[in-house]
């Protein structure tokens, strides 16, 4: 009965676990991060916010209409002073009187329209540039995220490859260790030979354990970059397909700095700076706005606001225009213009500095990639040689014509060659990502 109950539960748990363990290629991991990474989602929200900001500024130039209803109950009517001689009093004196009714009501609407404003004209242009700025910011975040996810993805693959090689080395050395113990029991080798191999075997077991934990750490880093839940399982489907016969040395002379998002951000910011200078200069122009109001007013001694011939509502209507002129502001605007122009010139210098930095970054990344590529070729050859040396040493040892020291040395050299080869591949991949990022070609 217990078996019948537990078997479906265990099956359900295994299915649930399989569903949680998602598989990702590198491109799928990048696409997942663009949908789940908080940094990218915030950049996307900033872009949407910029659109609403532009619409807000646009609304300033549309008619502004408002309505109002005002009701007053004068608990004590306001007192006014009028000359007392109007009522036969002495000249030069004043008599306090109260005018008005206890209840007053006003209802109506008003409208205004901005006719001309230099700030509004420049503000519309600036709002469009701000949207462009936010779009470029999204692109820059996408580039940074793509680079981070790619490096983290490759790091997991490299560590898995390293773990697989270590597993093979452990299995290989374990067999040698077991065979050597048998040979020692039969008197063919000394105990010290067994101990040498045991030391090497224990070192490999320790490194194998460390590499396993390092895989977990690198996977967690990848999950973090992707916006993936740390506690969920993940599987990677891509492998390291390095075609060493196809040397692809990157050329830094082909760099187009305008493709870099950070360069685009600076140029967009420079346009905003230039618009700010233009806005301040046009601030000397007048501002013209029209307005109108249409209201009804009623005054009652009793709380009764019905519109009757005996107690009508009185109409109030008006239209007007306001022209504001900047005659003299103590040279404040002049000094603001000078400051804005200096800010614009500083941005020009910053852009020039980025152009030079981009060339340096591309050149450095190209050299690092070329070095990493050459190193990878040498390490691949060293790996082949180390594997051959180990095979020969193993055969000699099995035939009784070689020493275990020779075998251990060959095994150590093979492990180091494997590690160096994997490290050189990772360095080459990272250098290529850095080059593509420096030249603005990492994403299309």
Protein backbone atom coordinates (compact mmCIF):
# COMPACT_ATOMS: atom_id res chain seq x y z
CA UNK A 1 0.00 0.00 0.00
CA UNK A 2 2.84 2.43 0.92
CA UNK A 3 4.61 1.60 -2.33
CA UNK A 4 1.47 2.31 -4.34
CA UNK A 5 1.12 5.70 -2.64
CA UNK A 6 4.77 6.79 -2.81
CA UNK A 7 5.49 5.74 -6.40
CA UNK A 8 3.17 8.36 -8.03
CA UNK A 9 4.48 11.03 -5.66
CA UNK A 10 8.09 10.27 -6.53
CA UNK A 11 7.21 10.23 -10.22
CA UNK A 12 5.47 13.62 -9.86
CA UNK A 13 8.51 15.07 -8.06
CA UNK A 14 10.85 13.82 -10.76
CA UNK A 15 8.67 15.35 -13.49
CA UNK A 16 8.49 18.64 -11.57
CA UNK A 17 12.29 18.68 -11.17
CA UNK A 18 12.74 18.00 -14.87
CA UNK A 19 10.44 20.90 -15.69
CA UNK A 20 12.44 23.27 -13.48
CA UNK A 21 15.75 22.37 -15.12
CA UNK A 22 15.67 24.56 -18.21
CA UNK A 23 18.18 24.25 -21.04
CA UNK A 24 19.76 27.26 -22.75
CA UNK A 25 22.02 27.83 -25.69
CA UNK A 26 24.14 30.97 -25.52
CA UNK A 27 21.69 32.89 -27.69
CA UNK A 28 18.74 31.65 -25.64
CA UNK A 29 20.51 32.69 -22.43
CA UNK A 30 21.04 36.19 -23.86
CA UNK A 31 17.40 36.44 -24.96
CA UNK A 32 16.23 35.24 -21.54
CA UNK A 33 18.35 37.89 -19.82
CA UNK A 34 16.82 40.62 -22.00
CA UNK A 35 13.41 39.62 -20.67
CA UNK A 36 14.31 39.07 -17.02
CA UNK A 37 17.41 41.09 -16.07
CA UNK A 38 16.38 43.94 -13.73
CA UNK A 39 18.99 46.30 -15.20
CA UNK A 40 17.69 45.84 -18.73
CA UNK A 41 14.06 46.03 -17.63
CA UNK A 42 14.78 49.34 -15.88
CA UNK A 43 16.46 50.73 -19.00
CA UNK A 44 13.40 49.71 -21.03
CA UNK A 45 11.11 51.39 -18.49
CA UNK A 46 13.21 54.57 -18.72
CA UNK A 47 12.64 54.57 -22.46
CA UNK A 48 8.88 54.27 -22.00
CA UNK A 49 8.99 57.01 -19.36
CA UNK A 50 10.76 59.30 -21.85
CA UNK A 51 7.83 58.93 -24.26
CA UNK A 52 5.37 60.01 -21.58
CA UNK A 53 7.67 62.90 -20.67
CA UNK A 54 7.64 64.07 -24.30
CA UNK A 55 3.83 63.84 -24.38
CA UNK A 56 3.70 65.88 -21.18
CA UNK A 57 5.80 68.65 -22.75
CA UNK A 58 3.69 68.53 -25.92
CA UNK A 59 0.58 69.04 -23.80
CA UNK A 60 1.87 72.42 -22.64
CA UNK A 61 1.20 73.81 -26.12
CA UNK A 62 -2.35 72.51 -26.28
CA UNK A 63 -5.35 74.49 -24.98
CA UNK A 64 -5.63 74.41 -21.20
CA UNK A 65 -9.28 74.30 -20.13
CA UNK A 66 -10.53 74.24 -16.54
CA UNK A 67 -13.90 74.56 -14.86
CA UNK A 68 -14.80 75.71 -11.37
CA UNK A 69 -17.70 76.13 -8.99
CA UNK A 70 -17.25 78.45 -6.04
CA UNK A 71 -19.76 78.77 -3.18
CA UNK A 72 -19.35 81.28 -0.33
CA UNK A 73 -21.29 81.64 2.91
CA UNK A 74 -20.36 84.91 4.58
CA UNK A 75 -20.80 84.28 8.28
CA UNK A 76 -19.80 87.90 8.70
CA UNK A 77 -19.93 90.18 5.69
CA UNK A 78 -16.77 92.15 4.94
CA UNK A 79 -16.75 95.72 6.20
CA UNK A 80 -15.87 98.70 4.00
CA UNK A 81 -15.16 102.31 5.00
CA UNK A 82 -16.82 105.12 3.06
CA UNK A 83 -16.72 108.89 3.69
CA UNK A 84 -19.14 109.72 6.53
CA UNK A 85 -20.19 112.97 4.85
CA UNK A 86 -22.20 110.86 2.37
CA UNK A 87 -24.56 110.27 5.29
CA UNK A 88 -24.33 113.80 6.74
CA UNK A 89 -21.37 113.11 8.92
CA UNK A 90 -18.32 115.34 9.40
CA UNK A 91 -15.91 115.70 6.49
CA UNK A 92 -12.76 113.65 6.69
CA UNK A 93 -14.35 110.88 8.75
CA UNK A 94 -15.37 107.40 7.57
CA UNK A 95 -18.37 105.26 8.33
CA UNK A 96 -18.12 101.42 8.39
CA UNK A 97 -20.68 99.71 6.19
CA UNK A 98 -21.25 96.14 5.04
CA UNK A 99 -22.06 95.39 1.40
CA UNK A 100 -23.12 92.17 -0.26
CA UNK A 101 -25.24 89.15 0.42
CA UNK A 102 -24.75 86.23 2.74
CA UNK A 103 -24.50 83.66 -0.05
CA UNK A 104 -22.50 83.98 -3.28
CA UNK A 105 -21.99 81.43 -6.03
CA UNK A 106 -19.80 81.47 -9.15
CA UNK A 107 -19.68 78.78 -11.84
CA UNK A 108 -17.84 78.80 -15.12
CA UNK A 109 -14.81 77.71 -17.09
CA UNK A 110 -11.63 79.30 -18.35
CA UNK A 111 -9.23 78.48 -21.15
CA UNK A 112 -5.72 79.52 -22.11
CA UNK A 113 -3.56 78.93 -25.14
CA UNK A 114 0.19 79.35 -25.44
CA UNK A 115 0.71 81.26 -28.68
CA UNK A 116 4.47 81.71 -28.73
CA UNK A 117 7.21 80.57 -26.35
CA UNK A 118 10.81 79.87 -27.24
CA UNK A 119 11.14 77.57 -24.23
CA UNK A 120 8.27 75.45 -25.53
CA UNK A 121 9.72 75.23 -29.06
CA UNK A 122 13.13 74.14 -27.79
CA UNK A 123 11.50 71.88 -25.20
CA UNK A 124 9.83 69.85 -27.94
CA UNK A 125 13.15 69.32 -29.69
CA UNK A 126 14.82 68.41 -26.42
CA UNK A 127 12.07 65.89 -25.63
CA UNK A 128 12.70 64.11 -28.94
CA UNK A 129 16.44 63.98 -28.22
CA UNK A 130 15.70 62.67 -24.74
CA UNK A 131 13.74 59.77 -26.25
CA UNK A 132 16.67 59.06 -28.54
CA UNK A 133 18.98 59.20 -25.52
CA UNK A 134 16.87 56.64 -23.65
CA UNK A 135 16.85 54.32 -26.68
CA UNK A 136 20.64 54.44 -26.86
CA UNK A 137 20.80 53.75 -23.14
CA UNK A 138 18.75 50.59 -23.71
CA UNK A 139 21.18 49.54 -26.44
CA UNK A 140 24.17 50.15 -24.17
CA UNK A 141 22.57 48.09 -21.41
CA UNK A 142 21.90 45.35 -23.95
CA UNK A 143 25.55 45.34 -25.05
CA UNK A 144 26.81 45.19 -21.47
CA UNK A 145 24.37 42.43 -20.59
CA UNK A 146 25.24 40.42 -23.71
CA UNK A 147 28.95 40.62 -22.86
CA UNK A 148 28.37 39.65 -19.23
CA UNK A 149 26.09 36.70 -20.06
CA UNK A 150 28.44 35.48 -22.82
CA UNK A 151 31.47 35.50 -20.53
CA UNK A 152 29.56 33.82 -17.71
CA UNK A 153 28.20 31.20 -20.13
CA UNK A 154 31.66 30.39 -21.49
CA UNK A 155 33.01 30.23 -17.95
CA UNK A 156 30.48 27.53 -17.03
CA UNK A 157 31.32 25.53 -20.17
CA UNK A 158 35.06 25.78 -19.48
CA UNK A 159 34.59 24.63 -15.89
CA UNK A 160 32.44 21.72 -17.05
CA UNK A 161 35.12 20.76 -19.56
CA UNK A 162 37.75 21.03 -16.86
CA UNK A 163 35.66 18.85 -14.58
CA UNK A 164 35.23 16.24 -17.32
CA UNK A 165 39.00 16.11 -17.91
CA UNK A 166 39.62 15.82 -14.18
CA UNK A 167 37.09 12.98 -13.94
CA UNK A 168 38.94 11.16 -16.71
CA UNK A 169 42.29 11.81 -15.00
CA UNK A 170 40.93 10.58 -11.66
CA UNK A 171 39.53 7.42 -13.24
CA UNK A 172 42.79 6.80 -15.07
CA UNK A 173 44.96 7.38 -12.02
CA UNK A 174 42.64 5.34 -9.83
CA UNK A 175 43.18 2.32 -12.07
CA UNK A 176 46.94 2.84 -11.95
CA UNK A 177 46.74 3.21 -8.17
CA UNK A 178 44.75 -0.02 -7.80
CA UNK A 179 47.08 -1.90 -10.17
CA UNK A 180 50.15 -0.61 -8.34
CA UNK A 181 48.76 -1.78 -5.00
CA UNK A 182 48.26 -5.24 -6.47
CA UNK A 183 51.77 -5.22 -7.88
CA UNK A 184 53.09 -4.14 -4.48
CA UNK A 185 51.25 -6.99 -2.79
CA UNK A 186 52.87 -9.38 -5.26
CA UNK A 187 56.30 -7.88 -4.60
CA UNK A 188 56.86 -6.36 -8.01
CA UNK A 189 57.02 -2.71 -6.84
CA UNK A 190 57.95 -1.02 -3.60
CA UNK A 191 55.50 0.59 -1.19
CA UNK A 192 56.95 4.01 -1.90
CA UNK A 193 55.74 3.65 -5.49
CA UNK A 194 52.22 3.11 -4.18
CA UNK A 195 52.51 6.15 -1.91
CA UNK A 196 53.70 8.41 -4.73
CA UNK A 197 50.69 7.53 -6.82
CA UNK A 198 48.39 7.84 -3.80
CA UNK A 199 49.63 11.40 -3.18
CA UNK A 200 48.97 12.31 -6.79
CA UNK A 201 45.57 10.61 -6.65
CA UNK A 202 44.55 12.50 -3.48
CA UNK A 203 45.59 15.79 -5.06
CA UNK A 204 43.40 15.06 -8.07
CA UNK A 205 40.44 14.17 -5.84
CA UNK A 206 40.84 17.49 -4.01
CA UNK A 207 41.04 19.44 -7.26
CA UNK A 208 38.04 17.54 -8.59
CA UNK A 209 36.01 18.57 -5.55
CA UNK A 210 37.08 22.22 -5.87
CA UNK A 211 36.19 22.26 -9.56
CA UNK A 212 32.74 20.88 -8.80
CA UNK A 213 32.10 23.71 -6.36
CA UNK A 214 33.53 26.21 -8.86
CA UNK A 215 30.98 24.99 -11.42
CA UNK A 216 28.18 25.77 -8.96
CA UNK A 217 29.63 29.23 -8.38
CA UNK A 218 29.97 29.97 -12.10
CA UNK A 219 26.43 28.71 -12.75
CA UNK A 220 25.09 30.99 -10.03
CA UNK A 221 26.90 33.92 -11.62
CA UNK A 222 25.36 33.08 -14.98
CA UNK A 223 21.90 32.81 -13.40
CA UNK A 224 22.40 36.20 -11.76
CA UNK A 225 23.38 37.84 -15.05
CA UNK A 226 20.37 36.25 -16.77
CA UNK A 227 17.89 37.20 -14.05
CA UNK A 228 17.30 33.46 -13.52
CA UNK A 229 16.28 32.08 -10.14
CA UNK A 230 19.43 30.91 -8.32
CA UNK A 231 17.75 27.91 -6.71
CA UNK A 232 16.46 26.51 -10.04
CA UNK A 233 18.51 24.05 -12.06
CA UNK A 234 19.98 25.08 -15.41
CA UNK A 235 21.57 23.19 -18.29
CA UNK A 236 23.72 24.58 -21.11
CA UNK A 237 23.45 23.12 -24.59
CA UNK A 238 26.30 24.88 -26.41
CA UNK A 239 29.82 23.50 -26.47
CA UNK A 240 33.26 24.88 -27.27
CA UNK A 241 33.53 24.47 -31.01
CA UNK A 242 36.89 26.07 -31.75
CA UNK A 243 38.15 25.68 -35.30
CA UNK A 244 41.88 26.17 -34.82
CA UNK A 245 42.49 25.95 -38.55
CA UNK A 246 40.47 29.11 -39.18
CA UNK A 247 42.52 31.95 -37.74
CA UNK A 248 40.35 35.07 -37.49
CA UNK A 249 42.63 37.88 -36.30
CA UNK A 250 40.58 40.98 -35.68
CA UNK A 251 41.57 44.20 -37.41
CA UNK A 252 41.47 47.33 -35.24
CA UNK A 253 41.78 49.59 -38.31
CA UNK A 254 38.16 48.78 -39.22
CA UNK A 255 36.74 50.41 -36.10
CA UNK A 256 33.74 52.70 -36.52
CA UNK A 257 33.37 54.52 -33.20
CA UNK A 258 29.89 55.72 -34.15
CA UNK A 259 28.59 52.18 -33.62
CA UNK A 260 29.47 52.26 -29.93
CA UNK A 261 26.46 53.00 -27.69
CA UNK A 262 28.55 55.08 -25.28
CA UNK A 263 29.69 57.29 -28.19
CA UNK A 264 26.08 57.62 -29.34
CA UNK A 265 25.08 58.59 -25.81
CA UNK A 266 27.67 61.36 -25.71
CA UNK A 267 26.67 62.74 -29.12
CA UNK A 268 23.01 62.71 -28.06
CA UNK A 269 23.92 64.52 -24.86
CA UNK A 270 25.87 67.04 -26.89
CA UNK A 271 22.76 67.76 -28.97
CA UNK A 272 20.88 68.41 -25.74
CA UNK A 273 23.64 70.79 -24.62
CA UNK A 274 23.42 72.68 -27.91
CA UNK A 275 19.64 72.91 -27.55
CA UNK A 276 20.12 74.30 -24.05
CA UNK A 277 22.36 77.06 -25.42
CA UNK A 278 19.77 77.82 -28.09
CA UNK A 279 16.98 77.86 -25.51
CA UNK A 280 18.81 80.40 -23.37
CA UNK A 281 19.56 82.63 -26.35
CA UNK A 282 15.95 82.54 -27.52
CA UNK A 283 14.86 83.40 -23.99
CA UNK A 284 15.22 87.08 -24.89
CA UNK A 285 12.19 86.72 -27.17
CA UNK A 286 8.76 87.59 -25.72
CA UNK A 287 6.21 85.01 -24.63
CA UNK A 288 2.62 85.40 -25.81
CA UNK A 289 -0.40 83.61 -24.37
CA UNK A 290 -4.13 84.10 -24.84
CA UNK A 291 -6.84 83.36 -22.32
CA UNK A 292 -10.59 83.57 -21.85
CA UNK A 293 -13.14 83.09 -19.10
CA UNK A 294 -16.90 82.59 -19.05
CA UNK A 295 -18.74 82.60 -15.71
CA UNK A 296 -22.09 83.06 -14.04
CA UNK A 297 -22.45 84.69 -10.65
CA UNK A 298 -25.34 84.69 -8.17
CA UNK A 299 -25.85 86.52 -4.87
CA UNK A 300 -28.54 85.52 -2.39
CA UNK A 301 -29.63 86.38 1.11
CA UNK A 302 -31.08 82.87 1.40
CA UNK A 303 -29.55 79.60 0.35
CA UNK A 304 -31.52 79.42 -2.89
CA UNK A 305 -29.63 79.59 -6.20
CA UNK A 306 -32.48 78.96 -8.60
CA UNK A 307 -32.25 81.11 -11.74
CA UNK A 308 -35.44 83.22 -11.87
CA UNK A 309 -36.27 86.61 -13.37
CA UNK A 310 -36.44 88.01 -9.87
CA UNK A 311 -33.15 86.42 -8.84
CA UNK A 312 -31.09 85.86 -12.00
CA UNK A 313 -27.54 84.60 -12.43
CA UNK A 314 -25.27 87.30 -13.87
CA UNK A 315 -22.97 86.51 -16.77
CA UNK A 316 -19.27 87.40 -16.76
CA UNK A 317 -17.17 86.84 -19.91
CA UNK A 318 -13.75 88.05 -20.94
CA UNK A 319 -10.89 87.32 -23.30
CA UNK A 320 -7.37 88.63 -23.12
CA UNK A 321 -3.73 88.11 -23.97
CA UNK A 322 -0.51 88.38 -22.02
CA UNK A 323 2.80 89.41 -23.56
CA UNK A 324 5.84 88.96 -21.33
CA UNK A 325 9.01 90.83 -22.27
CA UNK A 326 12.45 90.21 -20.83
CA UNK A 327 13.80 93.74 -20.66
CA UNK A 328 16.69 93.42 -18.22
CA UNK A 329 17.53 90.54 -15.86
CA UNK A 330 20.81 91.73 -14.40
CA UNK A 331 22.76 89.78 -17.07
CA UNK A 332 21.67 86.51 -15.51
CA UNK A 333 20.71 84.94 -18.83
CA UNK A 334 23.96 86.09 -20.42
CA UNK A 335 25.95 84.28 -17.75
CA UNK A 336 23.74 81.21 -18.09
CA UNK A 337 24.50 81.15 -21.83
CA UNK A 338 28.24 81.29 -21.14
CA UNK A 339 27.97 78.39 -18.71
CA UNK A 340 25.95 76.32 -21.19
CA UNK A 341 28.49 77.00 -23.94
CA UNK A 342 31.33 75.85 -21.68
CA UNK A 343 29.40 72.67 -20.89
CA UNK A 344 28.97 72.07 -24.62
CA UNK A 345 32.69 72.56 -25.26
CA UNK A 346 33.57 70.18 -22.45
CA UNK A 347 31.32 67.55 -24.01
CA UNK A 348 33.14 68.01 -27.32
CA UNK A 349 36.41 67.25 -25.54
CA UNK A 350 34.83 64.20 -23.86
CA UNK A 351 33.67 62.89 -27.23
CA UNK A 352 37.16 63.38 -28.66
CA UNK A 353 38.65 61.54 -25.71
CA UNK A 354 36.25 58.64 -26.25
CA UNK A 355 37.24 58.45 -29.92
CA UNK A 356 40.88 58.03 -28.93
CA UNK A 357 39.99 55.61 -26.14
CA UNK A 358 37.92 53.49 -28.53
CA UNK A 359 40.85 53.17 -30.89
CA UNK A 360 43.09 52.15 -28.00
CA UNK A 361 40.57 49.63 -26.66
CA UNK A 362 40.05 48.07 -30.09
CA UNK A 363 43.78 47.88 -30.71
CA UNK A 364 44.43 46.35 -27.29
CA UNK A 365 41.59 43.85 -27.66
CA UNK A 366 42.87 42.88 -31.11
CA UNK A 367 46.37 42.26 -29.76
CA UNK A 368 45.04 40.31 -26.78
CA UNK A 369 42.91 38.20 -29.11
CA UNK A 370 45.87 37.52 -31.43
CA UNK A 371 48.02 36.54 -28.45
CA UNK A 372 45.27 34.35 -27.01
CA UNK A 373 44.79 32.69 -30.39
CA UNK A 374 48.50 31.92 -30.74
CA UNK A 375 48.64 30.69 -27.15
CA UNK A 376 45.66 28.44 -27.81
CA UNK A 377 47.42 26.88 -30.81
CA UNK A 378 50.58 26.22 -28.77
CA UNK A 379 48.60 24.84 -25.85
CA UNK A 380 46.68 22.57 -28.20
CA UNK A 381 49.99 21.22 -29.51
CA UNK A 382 51.32 20.86 -25.94
CA UNK A 383 48.19 18.97 -25.01
CA UNK A 384 48.68 16.55 -27.90
CA UNK A 385 52.34 16.06 -26.93
CA UNK A 386 51.52 15.59 -23.26
CA UNK A 387 48.87 13.04 -24.13
CA UNK A 388 51.35 11.15 -26.31
CA UNK A 389 54.02 11.23 -23.57
CA UNK A 390 51.51 9.94 -21.03
CA UNK A 391 50.39 7.11 -23.34
CA UNK A 392 53.99 6.02 -23.85
CA UNK A 393 54.80 6.28 -20.13
CA UNK A 394 51.71 4.26 -19.25
CA UNK A 395 52.60 1.48 -21.70
CA UNK A 396 56.17 1.39 -20.43
CA UNK A 397 54.95 1.19 -16.85
CA UNK A 398 52.49 -1.58 -17.65
CA UNK A 399 55.25 -3.53 -19.40
CA UNK A 400 57.56 -3.08 -16.43
CA UNK A 401 60.17 -1.02 -18.26
CA UNK A 402 59.10 2.38 -16.91
CA UNK A 403 59.00 3.94 -13.46
CA UNK A 404 55.98 5.24 -11.63
CA UNK A 405 57.78 8.58 -11.23
CA UNK A 406 57.88 8.88 -14.99
CA UNK A 407 54.19 8.01 -15.16
CA UNK A 408 53.23 10.49 -12.44
CA UNK A 409 55.25 13.24 -14.12
CA UNK A 410 53.56 12.51 -17.44
CA UNK A 411 50.14 12.54 -15.82
CA UNK A 412 50.86 15.86 -14.10
CA UNK A 413 52.06 17.38 -17.37
CA UNK A 414 48.92 16.15 -19.14
CA UNK A 415 46.66 17.68 -16.50
CA UNK A 416 48.52 20.99 -16.72
CA UNK A 417 48.35 20.92 -20.53
CA UNK A 418 44.58 20.31 -20.40
CA UNK A 419 44.11 23.18 -17.95
CA UNK A 420 46.29 25.56 -19.97
CA UNK A 421 44.46 24.67 -23.17
CA UNK A 422 41.04 25.37 -21.66
CA UNK A 423 42.28 28.61 -20.12
CA UNK A 424 43.66 29.76 -23.47
CA UNK A 425 40.31 29.07 -25.15
CA UNK A 426 38.48 31.08 -22.50
CA UNK A 427 40.98 33.96 -22.83
CA UNK A 428 40.50 33.97 -26.59
CA UNK A 429 36.69 34.04 -26.31
CA UNK A 430 36.78 36.84 -23.74
CA UNK A 431 39.22 38.86 -25.89
CA UNK A 432 36.92 38.51 -28.88
CA UNK A 433 33.90 39.68 -26.85
CA UNK A 434 35.92 42.68 -25.61
CA UNK A 435 36.96 43.51 -29.18
CA UNK A 436 33.38 43.32 -30.45
CA UNK A 437 32.25 45.50 -27.55
CA UNK A 438 35.03 48.03 -28.22
CA UNK A 439 34.10 48.25 -31.91
CA UNK A 440 30.34 48.30 -31.34
CA UNK A 441 29.77 45.02 -33.22
CA UNK A 442 28.76 42.76 -30.34
CA UNK A 443 25.06 43.05 -31.20
CA UNK A 444 23.38 43.84 -34.49
